[in-house]
Amino acid sequence: MSARLAACLFVLALSACSSGPPTPAWQMSARSSLDASAIAWLEGRDAVDSAEFTRARAAVARTGQLDLIARAELHRCALRVATLVFEPCAGFDALATDATPAEQAYARYLEGRASAADVALLPQAQRAAATASRTSETCRSICRRISRTTFRPSRAFRARSANCWPPGPDTC
């Protein structure tokens, strides 16, 4: 009898864990499209990147929440910066007034103009980088470390970062 009771309690406990609301379809669609867009960008498949990002943005836009659209645009800008493509983030800039203060701070961080107040709003992972010394010696040290790695950039990476790769004295 106690085995049946234990099994019954186990089933009830499992059902209680899964009683949360399901993830909305738009959120799953947007996440998978953003991920596919990022992968396509990193592989140099610009047409796929554009199509997937358009799909993700449309899924988020159906919510009517402009701050979420701004976040999707910021995600795209962060990917560009992470791959050393420094270009204006026009998609986010158009929605910046609707973004949260933390997202506005992150956008300024990506542009390299974050203030001390902005640093406090950044995600933990970016706070350390934002507060690091930005002296030219630090930059040269970072560039030397990068140039010593066995990193072999792809053709698409080299094409997108022609002004920044390989790191040398004039890139810092």
N, C-alpha and C. Protein backbone atom coordinates (compact mmCIF):
# COMPACT_ATOMS: atom_id res chain seq x y z
N MET A 1 0.82 -1.19 0.00
CA MET A 1 0.00 0.00 0.00
C MET A 1 0.86 1.25 0.00
N SER A 2 1.95 1.23 0.75
CA SER A 2 2.80 2.40 0.83
C SER A 2 3.50 2.67 -0.51
N ALA A 3 3.76 1.63 -1.29
CA ALA A 3 4.37 1.81 -2.60
C ALA A 3 3.42 2.55 -3.53
N ARG A 4 2.12 2.21 -3.44
CA ARG A 4 1.12 2.90 -4.27
C ARG A 4 0.99 4.35 -3.85
N LEU A 5 1.02 4.59 -2.56
CA LEU A 5 0.93 5.96 -2.06
C LEU A 5 2.15 6.78 -2.49
N ALA A 6 3.31 6.17 -2.41
CA ALA A 6 4.53 6.85 -2.83
C ALA A 6 4.49 7.16 -4.33
N ALA A 7 4.01 6.21 -5.13
CA ALA A 7 3.91 6.42 -6.57
C ALA A 7 2.90 7.52 -6.88
N CYS A 8 1.79 7.52 -6.16
CA CYS A 8 0.77 8.55 -6.36
C CYS A 8 1.31 9.93 -6.01
N LEU A 9 2.02 10.03 -4.90
CA LEU A 9 2.62 11.30 -4.50
C LEU A 9 3.67 11.76 -5.51
N PHE A 10 4.41 10.81 -6.05
CA PHE A 10 5.42 11.13 -7.05
C PHE A 10 4.77 11.72 -8.31
N VAL A 11 3.68 11.11 -8.77
CA VAL A 11 2.96 11.59 -9.94
C VAL A 11 2.38 12.98 -9.67
N LEU A 12 1.83 13.19 -8.50
CA LEU A 12 1.30 14.51 -8.15
C LEU A 12 2.39 15.57 -8.12
N ALA A 13 3.54 15.21 -7.58
CA ALA A 13 4.66 16.15 -7.53
C ALA A 13 5.13 16.51 -8.93
N LEU A 14 5.20 15.53 -9.81
CA LEU A 14 5.60 15.81 -11.19
C LEU A 14 4.58 16.68 -11.91
N SER A 15 3.32 16.43 -11.69
CA SER A 15 2.29 17.23 -12.35
C SER A 15 2.29 18.65 -11.82
N ALA A 16 2.65 18.84 -10.56
CA ALA A 16 2.71 20.19 -10.00
C ALA A 16 3.85 20.98 -10.64
N CYS A 17 4.94 20.30 -10.97
CA CYS A 17 6.08 20.98 -11.59
C CYS A 17 5.76 21.45 -13.00
N SER A 18 4.92 20.75 -13.68
CA SER A 18 4.61 21.11 -15.07
C SER A 18 3.33 21.91 -15.20
N SER A 19 2.85 22.47 -14.10
CA SER A 19 1.58 23.18 -14.16
C SER A 19 1.72 24.64 -14.58
N GLY A 20 2.95 25.08 -14.87
CA GLY A 20 3.15 26.46 -15.33
C GLY A 20 2.56 26.64 -16.71
N PRO A 21 2.30 27.88 -17.07
CA PRO A 21 1.74 28.12 -18.40
C PRO A 21 2.75 27.78 -19.48
N PRO A 22 2.27 27.29 -20.60
CA PRO A 22 3.19 26.96 -21.69
C PRO A 22 3.81 28.24 -22.27
N THR A 23 4.98 28.10 -22.84
CA THR A 23 5.63 29.24 -23.48
C THR A 23 4.80 29.66 -24.69
N PRO A 24 4.53 30.96 -24.83
CA PRO A 24 3.74 31.42 -25.97
C PRO A 24 4.41 31.06 -27.30
N ALA A 25 3.61 30.78 -28.29
CA ALA A 25 4.12 30.38 -29.60
C ALA A 25 4.99 31.46 -30.22
N TRP A 26 4.59 32.73 -30.07
CA TRP A 26 5.38 33.81 -30.66
C TRP A 26 6.78 33.85 -30.06
N GLN A 27 6.88 33.52 -28.77
CA GLN A 27 8.18 33.57 -28.10
C GLN A 27 9.09 32.45 -28.61
N MET A 28 8.53 31.27 -28.77
CA MET A 28 9.33 30.16 -29.30
C MET A 28 9.75 30.43 -30.73
N SER A 29 8.83 30.97 -31.53
CA SER A 29 9.14 31.29 -32.92
C SER A 29 10.22 32.36 -33.01
N ALA A 30 10.07 33.41 -32.22
CA ALA A 30 11.06 34.49 -32.24
C ALA A 30 12.43 33.99 -31.80
N ARG A 31 12.48 33.20 -30.75
CA ARG A 31 13.76 32.68 -30.24
C ARG A 31 14.45 31.82 -31.28
N SER A 32 13.70 30.90 -31.91
CA SER A 32 14.32 30.02 -32.90
C SER A 32 14.77 30.81 -34.12
N SER A 33 14.01 31.82 -34.51
CA SER A 33 14.40 32.63 -35.67
C SER A 33 15.61 33.51 -35.35
N LEU A 34 15.67 34.06 -34.13
CA LEU A 34 16.85 34.84 -33.73
C LEU A 34 18.09 33.96 -33.71
N ASP A 35 17.95 32.75 -33.19
CA ASP A 35 19.08 31.83 -33.17
C ASP A 35 19.53 31.47 -34.58
N ALA A 36 18.57 31.18 -35.45
CA ALA A 36 18.90 30.84 -36.84
C ALA A 36 19.53 32.02 -37.56
N SER A 37 19.05 33.22 -37.26
CA SER A 37 19.62 34.43 -37.84
C SER A 37 21.07 34.59 -37.41
N ALA A 38 21.35 34.39 -36.14
CA ALA A 38 22.71 34.53 -35.62
C ALA A 38 23.65 33.51 -36.27
N ILE A 39 23.19 32.28 -36.38
CA ILE A 39 24.02 31.24 -36.99
C ILE A 39 24.30 31.58 -38.44
N ALA A 40 23.28 32.02 -39.16
CA ALA A 40 23.45 32.39 -40.57
C ALA A 40 24.44 33.55 -40.70
N TRP A 41 24.34 34.55 -39.81
CA TRP A 41 25.27 35.68 -39.84
C TRP A 41 26.71 35.19 -39.64
N LEU A 42 26.90 34.33 -38.66
CA LEU A 42 28.24 33.85 -38.36
C LEU A 42 28.81 32.99 -39.49
N GLU A 43 27.93 32.36 -40.25
CA GLU A 43 28.37 31.54 -41.39
C GLU A 43 28.49 32.35 -42.67
N GLY A 44 28.13 33.63 -42.62
CA GLY A 44 28.24 34.48 -43.81
C GLY A 44 27.10 34.33 -44.79
N ARG A 45 25.99 33.76 -44.34
CA ARG A 45 24.82 33.59 -45.22
C ARG A 45 23.85 34.74 -44.96
N ASP A 46 24.12 35.87 -45.61
CA ASP A 46 23.38 37.10 -45.33
C ASP A 46 21.90 37.03 -45.69
N ALA A 47 21.56 36.35 -46.77
CA ALA A 47 20.15 36.26 -47.16
C ALA A 47 19.35 35.48 -46.12
N VAL A 48 19.93 34.41 -45.62
CA VAL A 48 19.25 33.61 -44.58
C VAL A 48 19.15 34.43 -43.30
N ASP A 49 20.23 35.12 -42.96
CA ASP A 49 20.23 35.98 -41.77
C ASP A 49 19.09 36.99 -41.86
N SER A 50 18.98 37.65 -42.97
CA SER A 50 17.95 38.67 -43.15
C SER A 50 16.55 38.08 -43.07
N ALA A 51 16.34 36.95 -43.71
CA ALA A 51 15.02 36.31 -43.69
C ALA A 51 14.64 35.86 -42.29
N GLU A 52 15.58 35.25 -41.57
CA GLU A 52 15.29 34.76 -40.22
C GLU A 52 15.06 35.92 -39.26
N PHE A 53 15.86 36.99 -39.41
CA PHE A 53 15.65 38.13 -38.51
C PHE A 53 14.30 38.79 -38.79
N THR A 54 13.93 38.89 -40.04
CA THR A 54 12.62 39.45 -40.39
C THR A 54 11.51 38.61 -39.78
N ARG A 55 11.66 37.30 -39.81
CA ARG A 55 10.68 36.40 -39.21
C ARG A 55 10.61 36.60 -37.69
N ALA A 56 11.77 36.73 -37.05
CA ALA A 56 11.81 36.93 -35.60
C ALA A 56 11.18 38.26 -35.22
N ARG A 57 11.52 39.28 -35.97
CA ARG A 57 10.98 40.62 -35.68
C ARG A 57 9.46 40.65 -35.86
N ALA A 58 8.97 39.96 -36.88
CA ALA A 58 7.53 39.90 -37.10
C ALA A 58 6.83 39.17 -35.96
N ALA A 59 7.44 38.10 -35.47
CA ALA A 59 6.84 37.35 -34.36
C ALA A 59 6.76 38.23 -33.11
N VAL A 60 7.81 38.98 -32.84
CA VAL A 60 7.81 39.87 -31.68
C VAL A 60 6.85 41.04 -31.90
N ALA A 61 6.79 41.54 -33.11
CA ALA A 61 5.91 42.68 -33.41
C ALA A 61 4.44 42.35 -33.19
N ARG A 62 4.09 41.09 -33.37
CA ARG A 62 2.69 40.70 -33.16
C ARG A 62 2.24 40.90 -31.72
N THR A 63 3.19 41.03 -30.79
CA THR A 63 2.83 41.27 -29.39
C THR A 63 2.42 42.73 -29.18
N GLY A 64 2.86 43.61 -30.07
CA GLY A 64 2.57 45.03 -29.92
C GLY A 64 3.45 45.71 -28.87
N GLN A 65 4.44 45.02 -28.37
CA GLN A 65 5.32 45.58 -27.34
C GLN A 65 6.60 46.09 -28.00
N LEU A 66 6.69 47.41 -28.13
CA LEU A 66 7.82 48.01 -28.81
C LEU A 66 9.14 47.76 -28.09
N ASP A 67 9.11 47.62 -26.78
CA ASP A 67 10.35 47.35 -26.05
C ASP A 67 10.92 45.98 -26.40
N LEU A 68 10.05 45.03 -26.71
CA LEU A 68 10.54 43.71 -27.11
C LEU A 68 11.12 43.73 -28.53
N ILE A 69 10.54 44.55 -29.39
CA ILE A 69 11.10 44.71 -30.74
C ILE A 69 12.47 45.36 -30.63
N ALA A 70 12.58 46.35 -29.76
CA ALA A 70 13.87 47.02 -29.55
C ALA A 70 14.90 46.03 -29.03
N ARG A 71 14.49 45.13 -28.17
CA ARG A 71 15.41 44.11 -27.64
C ARG A 71 15.89 43.18 -28.74
N ALA A 72 15.01 42.81 -29.65
CA ALA A 72 15.41 41.95 -30.77
C ALA A 72 16.43 42.68 -31.65
N GLU A 73 16.19 43.96 -31.90
CA GLU A 73 17.14 44.75 -32.69
C GLU A 73 18.48 44.87 -31.97
N LEU A 74 18.44 45.03 -30.67
CA LEU A 74 19.66 45.13 -29.87
C LEU A 74 20.44 43.82 -29.91
N HIS A 75 19.73 42.72 -29.93
CA HIS A 75 20.37 41.40 -30.05
C HIS A 75 21.16 41.34 -31.35
N ARG A 76 20.57 41.83 -32.41
CA ARG A 76 21.24 41.83 -33.71
C ARG A 76 22.48 42.72 -33.68
N CYS A 77 22.36 43.88 -33.07
CA CYS A 77 23.49 44.80 -32.98
C CYS A 77 24.63 44.20 -32.17
N ALA A 78 24.29 43.53 -31.08
CA ALA A 78 25.31 42.91 -30.23
C ALA A 78 26.07 41.83 -31.00
N LEU A 79 25.37 41.09 -31.82
CA LEU A 79 26.03 40.08 -32.64
C LEU A 79 27.01 40.72 -33.61
N ARG A 80 26.62 41.83 -34.20
CA ARG A 80 27.51 42.54 -35.13
C ARG A 80 28.77 43.00 -34.40
N VAL A 81 28.60 43.60 -33.24
CA VAL A 81 29.75 44.09 -32.48
C VAL A 81 30.64 42.92 -32.06
N ALA A 82 30.03 41.82 -31.66
CA ALA A 82 30.81 40.64 -31.24
C ALA A 82 31.66 40.08 -32.37
N THR A 83 31.24 40.31 -33.61
CA THR A 83 32.01 39.84 -34.76
C THR A 83 32.82 40.96 -35.39
N LEU A 84 33.05 42.02 -34.61
CA LEU A 84 33.87 43.15 -35.01
C LEU A 84 33.33 43.93 -36.20
N VAL A 85 32.04 43.93 -36.36
CA VAL A 85 31.40 44.75 -37.38
C VAL A 85 30.77 45.92 -36.65
N PHE A 86 31.43 47.05 -36.74
CA PHE A 86 30.99 48.24 -36.03
C PHE A 86 30.26 49.15 -37.02
N GLU A 87 28.95 49.07 -36.96
CA GLU A 87 28.12 49.89 -37.83
C GLU A 87 26.95 50.42 -37.00
N PRO A 88 26.33 51.49 -37.47
CA PRO A 88 25.19 52.03 -36.70
C PRO A 88 24.09 50.99 -36.54
N CYS A 89 23.42 51.07 -35.41
CA CYS A 89 22.33 50.13 -35.11
C CYS A 89 21.00 50.84 -35.38
N ALA A 90 20.72 51.04 -36.64
CA ALA A 90 19.56 51.82 -37.05
C ALA A 90 18.25 51.21 -36.56
N GLY A 91 18.15 49.90 -36.57
CA GLY A 91 16.92 49.24 -36.11
C GLY A 91 16.61 49.55 -34.67
N PHE A 92 17.63 49.53 -33.81
CA PHE A 92 17.43 49.86 -32.41
C PHE A 92 17.24 51.36 -32.22
N ASP A 93 18.02 52.14 -32.93
CA ASP A 93 17.93 53.60 -32.78
C ASP A 93 16.52 54.11 -33.04
N ALA A 94 15.83 53.50 -33.99
CA ALA A 94 14.46 53.92 -34.30
C ALA A 94 13.50 53.62 -33.16
N LEU A 95 13.84 52.66 -32.31
CA LEU A 95 12.97 52.24 -31.21
C LEU A 95 13.55 52.58 -29.84
N ALA A 96 14.64 53.30 -29.78
CA ALA A 96 15.35 53.54 -28.53
C ALA A 96 14.48 54.20 -27.47
N THR A 97 13.58 55.06 -27.87
CA THR A 97 12.73 55.73 -26.88
C THR A 97 11.76 54.76 -26.21
N ASP A 98 11.47 53.65 -26.87
CA ASP A 98 10.57 52.65 -26.32
C ASP A 98 11.30 51.56 -25.54
N ALA A 99 12.62 51.58 -25.58
CA ALA A 99 13.42 50.56 -24.89
C ALA A 99 13.53 50.89 -23.41
N THR A 100 13.81 49.88 -22.63
CA THR A 100 14.00 50.08 -21.19
C THR A 100 15.33 50.81 -20.97
N PRO A 101 15.51 51.44 -19.81
CA PRO A 101 16.78 52.10 -19.53
C PRO A 101 17.97 51.14 -19.60
N ALA A 102 17.79 49.90 -19.17
CA ALA A 102 18.88 48.93 -19.24
C ALA A 102 19.26 48.64 -20.69
N GLU A 103 18.29 48.54 -21.57
CA GLU A 103 18.58 48.29 -22.98
C GLU A 103 19.23 49.51 -23.63
N GLN A 104 18.81 50.70 -23.25
CA GLN A 104 19.45 51.92 -23.76
C GLN A 104 20.90 51.98 -23.30
N ALA A 105 21.15 51.60 -22.05
CA ALA A 105 22.52 51.57 -21.53
C ALA A 105 23.36 50.54 -22.29
N TYR A 106 22.77 49.39 -22.59
CA TYR A 106 23.50 48.35 -23.31
C TYR A 106 23.82 48.82 -24.73
N ALA A 107 22.91 49.54 -25.36
CA ALA A 107 23.17 50.08 -26.69
C ALA A 107 24.35 51.07 -26.65
N ARG A 108 24.37 51.92 -25.63
CA ARG A 108 25.50 52.85 -25.49
C ARG A 108 26.80 52.09 -25.23
N TYR A 109 26.71 51.02 -24.48
CA TYR A 109 27.89 50.17 -24.22
C TYR A 109 28.41 49.59 -25.53
N LEU A 110 27.51 49.09 -26.38
CA LEU A 110 27.92 48.53 -27.66
C LEU A 110 28.57 49.58 -28.56
N GLU A 111 28.12 50.83 -28.42
CA GLU A 111 28.69 51.92 -29.21
C GLU A 111 29.99 52.44 -28.60
N GLY A 112 30.35 51.97 -27.41
CA GLY A 112 31.57 52.41 -26.76
C GLY A 112 31.44 53.74 -26.05
N ARG A 113 30.23 54.12 -25.69
CA ARG A 113 30.03 55.40 -25.00
C ARG A 113 29.17 55.26 -23.75
N ALA A 114 29.37 54.17 -23.03
CA ALA A 114 28.61 53.94 -21.80
C ALA A 114 29.16 54.82 -20.67
N SER A 115 28.27 55.43 -19.92
CA SER A 115 28.66 56.25 -18.78
C SER A 115 28.74 55.36 -17.54
N ALA A 116 29.19 55.94 -16.44
CA ALA A 116 29.26 55.19 -15.18
C ALA A 116 27.87 54.74 -14.75
N ALA A 117 26.87 55.58 -14.99
CA ALA A 117 25.49 55.20 -14.64
C ALA A 117 25.01 54.05 -15.51
N ASP A 118 25.45 54.02 -16.77
CA ASP A 118 25.08 52.93 -17.68
C ASP A 118 25.67 51.60 -17.23
N VAL A 119 26.89 51.63 -16.73
CA VAL A 119 27.58 50.40 -16.32
C VAL A 119 26.77 49.67 -15.26
N ALA A 120 26.15 50.41 -14.37
CA ALA A 120 25.35 49.79 -13.31
C ALA A 120 24.14 49.05 -13.87
N LEU A 121 23.68 49.43 -15.05
CA LEU A 121 22.50 48.81 -15.66
C LEU A 121 22.85 47.63 -16.58
N LEU A 122 24.14 47.44 -16.84
CA LEU A 122 24.55 46.37 -17.75
C LEU A 122 24.43 45.00 -17.10
N PRO A 123 24.29 43.95 -17.92
CA PRO A 123 24.34 42.59 -17.38
C PRO A 123 25.69 42.36 -16.71
N GLN A 124 25.73 41.49 -15.75
CA GLN A 124 26.94 41.23 -14.97
C GLN A 124 28.15 40.93 -15.86
N ALA A 125 27.94 40.15 -16.90
CA ALA A 125 29.06 39.76 -17.77
C ALA A 125 29.70 40.96 -18.45
N GLN A 126 28.93 41.98 -18.75
CA GLN A 126 29.47 43.15 -19.44
C GLN A 126 30.01 44.21 -18.49
N ARG A 127 29.64 44.16 -17.23
CA ARG A 127 30.12 45.17 -16.27
C ARG A 127 31.62 45.16 -16.14
N ALA A 128 32.20 43.98 -16.04
CA ALA A 128 33.66 43.89 -15.90
C ALA A 128 34.37 44.47 -17.11
N ALA A 129 33.88 44.15 -18.28
CA ALA A 129 34.51 44.67 -19.50
C ALA A 129 34.35 46.18 -19.59
N ALA A 130 33.20 46.68 -19.16
CA ALA A 130 32.95 48.12 -19.25
C ALA A 130 33.78 48.91 -18.25
N THR A 131 34.12 48.31 -17.14
CA THR A 131 34.89 49.02 -16.13
C THR A 131 36.39 48.81 -16.27
N ALA A 132 36.81 47.93 -17.18
CA ALA A 132 38.24 47.68 -17.37
C ALA A 132 38.91 48.95 -17.88
N SER A 133 40.17 49.05 -17.58
CA SER A 133 40.95 50.20 -18.03
C SER A 133 40.95 50.23 -19.54
N ARG A 134 40.80 51.40 -20.09
CA ARG A 134 40.77 51.54 -21.55
C ARG A 134 42.01 52.28 -22.05
N THR A 135 43.11 52.07 -21.39
CA THR A 135 44.34 52.73 -21.83
C THR A 135 44.83 52.10 -23.11
N SER A 136 45.65 52.82 -23.84
CA SER A 136 46.16 52.28 -25.09
C SER A 136 47.05 51.07 -24.83
N GLU A 137 47.76 51.05 -23.68
CA GLU A 137 48.59 49.89 -23.36
C GLU A 137 47.73 48.64 -23.16
N THR A 138 46.58 48.79 -22.51
CA THR A 138 45.67 47.66 -22.33
C THR A 138 45.19 47.16 -23.68
N CYS A 139 44.86 48.07 -24.56
CA CYS A 139 44.39 47.69 -25.89
C CYS A 139 45.48 46.97 -26.67
N ARG A 140 46.69 47.50 -26.62
CA ARG A 140 47.80 46.84 -27.33
C ARG A 140 48.04 45.44 -26.77
N SER A 141 47.93 45.31 -25.46
CA SER A 141 48.11 44.00 -24.83
C SER A 141 47.06 43.01 -25.31
N ILE A 142 45.83 43.46 -25.39
CA ILE A 142 44.75 42.60 -25.87
C ILE A 142 44.99 42.21 -27.32
N CYS A 143 45.38 43.17 -28.14
CA CYS A 143 45.65 42.87 -29.55
C CYS A 143 46.79 41.87 -29.71
N ARG A 144 47.84 42.01 -28.88
CA ARG A 144 48.95 41.05 -28.96
C ARG A 144 48.48 39.65 -28.59
N ARG A 145 47.64 39.55 -27.56
CA ARG A 145 47.13 38.24 -27.17
C ARG A 145 46.29 37.62 -28.27
N ILE A 146 45.46 38.44 -28.89
CA ILE A 146 44.61 37.93 -29.97
C ILE A 146 45.47 37.44 -31.13
N SER A 147 46.50 38.21 -31.48
CA SER A 147 47.31 37.84 -32.64
C SER A 147 48.14 36.58 -32.38
N ARG A 148 48.36 36.22 -31.10
CA ARG A 148 49.11 35.01 -30.77
C ARG A 148 48.24 33.76 -30.73
N THR A 149 46.96 33.91 -30.77
CA THR A 149 46.09 32.74 -30.68
C THR A 149 46.12 31.96 -31.98
N THR A 150 45.56 30.77 -31.94
CA THR A 150 45.48 29.95 -33.13
C THR A 150 44.16 30.18 -33.86
N PHE A 151 43.49 31.27 -33.52
CA PHE A 151 42.21 31.60 -34.15
C PHE A 151 42.42 31.78 -35.64
N ARG A 152 41.66 31.07 -36.40
CA ARG A 152 41.71 31.19 -37.86
C ARG A 152 40.35 31.68 -38.33
N PRO A 153 40.24 32.98 -38.62
CA PRO A 153 38.94 33.52 -39.00
C PRO A 153 38.46 32.96 -40.34
N SER A 154 37.15 32.82 -40.44
CA SER A 154 36.55 32.33 -41.68
C SER A 154 36.62 33.43 -42.74
N ARG A 155 36.38 33.06 -43.97
CA ARG A 155 36.36 34.02 -45.07
C ARG A 155 35.32 35.10 -44.81
N ALA A 156 34.15 34.71 -44.32
CA ALA A 156 33.08 35.68 -44.05
C ALA A 156 33.50 36.63 -42.94
N PHE A 157 34.17 36.12 -41.91
CA PHE A 157 34.64 36.97 -40.81
C PHE A 157 35.65 37.98 -41.34
N ARG A 158 36.62 37.51 -42.14
CA ARG A 158 37.64 38.41 -42.66
C ARG A 158 37.03 39.48 -43.54
N ALA A 159 36.02 39.11 -44.34
CA ALA A 159 35.37 40.09 -45.21
C ALA A 159 34.63 41.15 -44.41
N ARG A 160 33.98 40.74 -43.33
CA ARG A 160 33.20 41.67 -42.52
C ARG A 160 34.09 42.55 -41.65
N SER A 161 35.26 42.08 -41.32
CA SER A 161 36.11 42.82 -40.39
C SER A 161 37.41 43.24 -41.05
N ALA A 162 37.34 43.61 -42.33
CA ALA A 162 38.54 43.96 -43.08
C ALA A 162 39.33 45.09 -42.42
N ASN A 163 38.66 46.01 -41.75
CA ASN A 163 39.35 47.12 -41.12
C ASN A 163 39.94 46.77 -39.77
N CYS A 164 39.60 45.61 -39.22
CA CYS A 164 40.02 45.27 -37.87
C CYS A 164 40.89 44.02 -37.80
N TRP A 165 41.01 43.26 -38.88
CA TRP A 165 41.71 41.98 -38.79
C TRP A 165 42.78 41.91 -39.84
N PRO A 166 43.96 41.46 -39.59
CA PRO A 166 44.43 40.99 -38.30
C PRO A 166 44.74 42.17 -37.40
N PRO A 167 44.71 41.95 -36.08
CA PRO A 167 44.99 43.05 -35.17
C PRO A 167 46.43 43.51 -35.31
N GLY A 168 46.61 44.77 -35.36
CA GLY A 168 47.95 45.35 -35.46
C GLY A 168 47.98 46.65 -34.71
N PRO A 169 49.09 47.37 -34.78
CA PRO A 169 49.21 48.60 -34.02
C PRO A 169 48.20 49.66 -34.42
N ASP A 170 47.77 49.64 -35.70
CA ASP A 170 46.83 50.66 -36.14
C ASP A 170 45.38 50.30 -35.86
N THR A 171 45.08 49.06 -35.46
CA THR A 171 43.69 48.69 -35.16
C THR A 171 43.30 49.01 -33.75
N CYS A 172 44.25 49.26 -32.88
CA CYS A 172 43.92 49.60 -31.48
C CYS A 172 43.95 51.08 -31.34
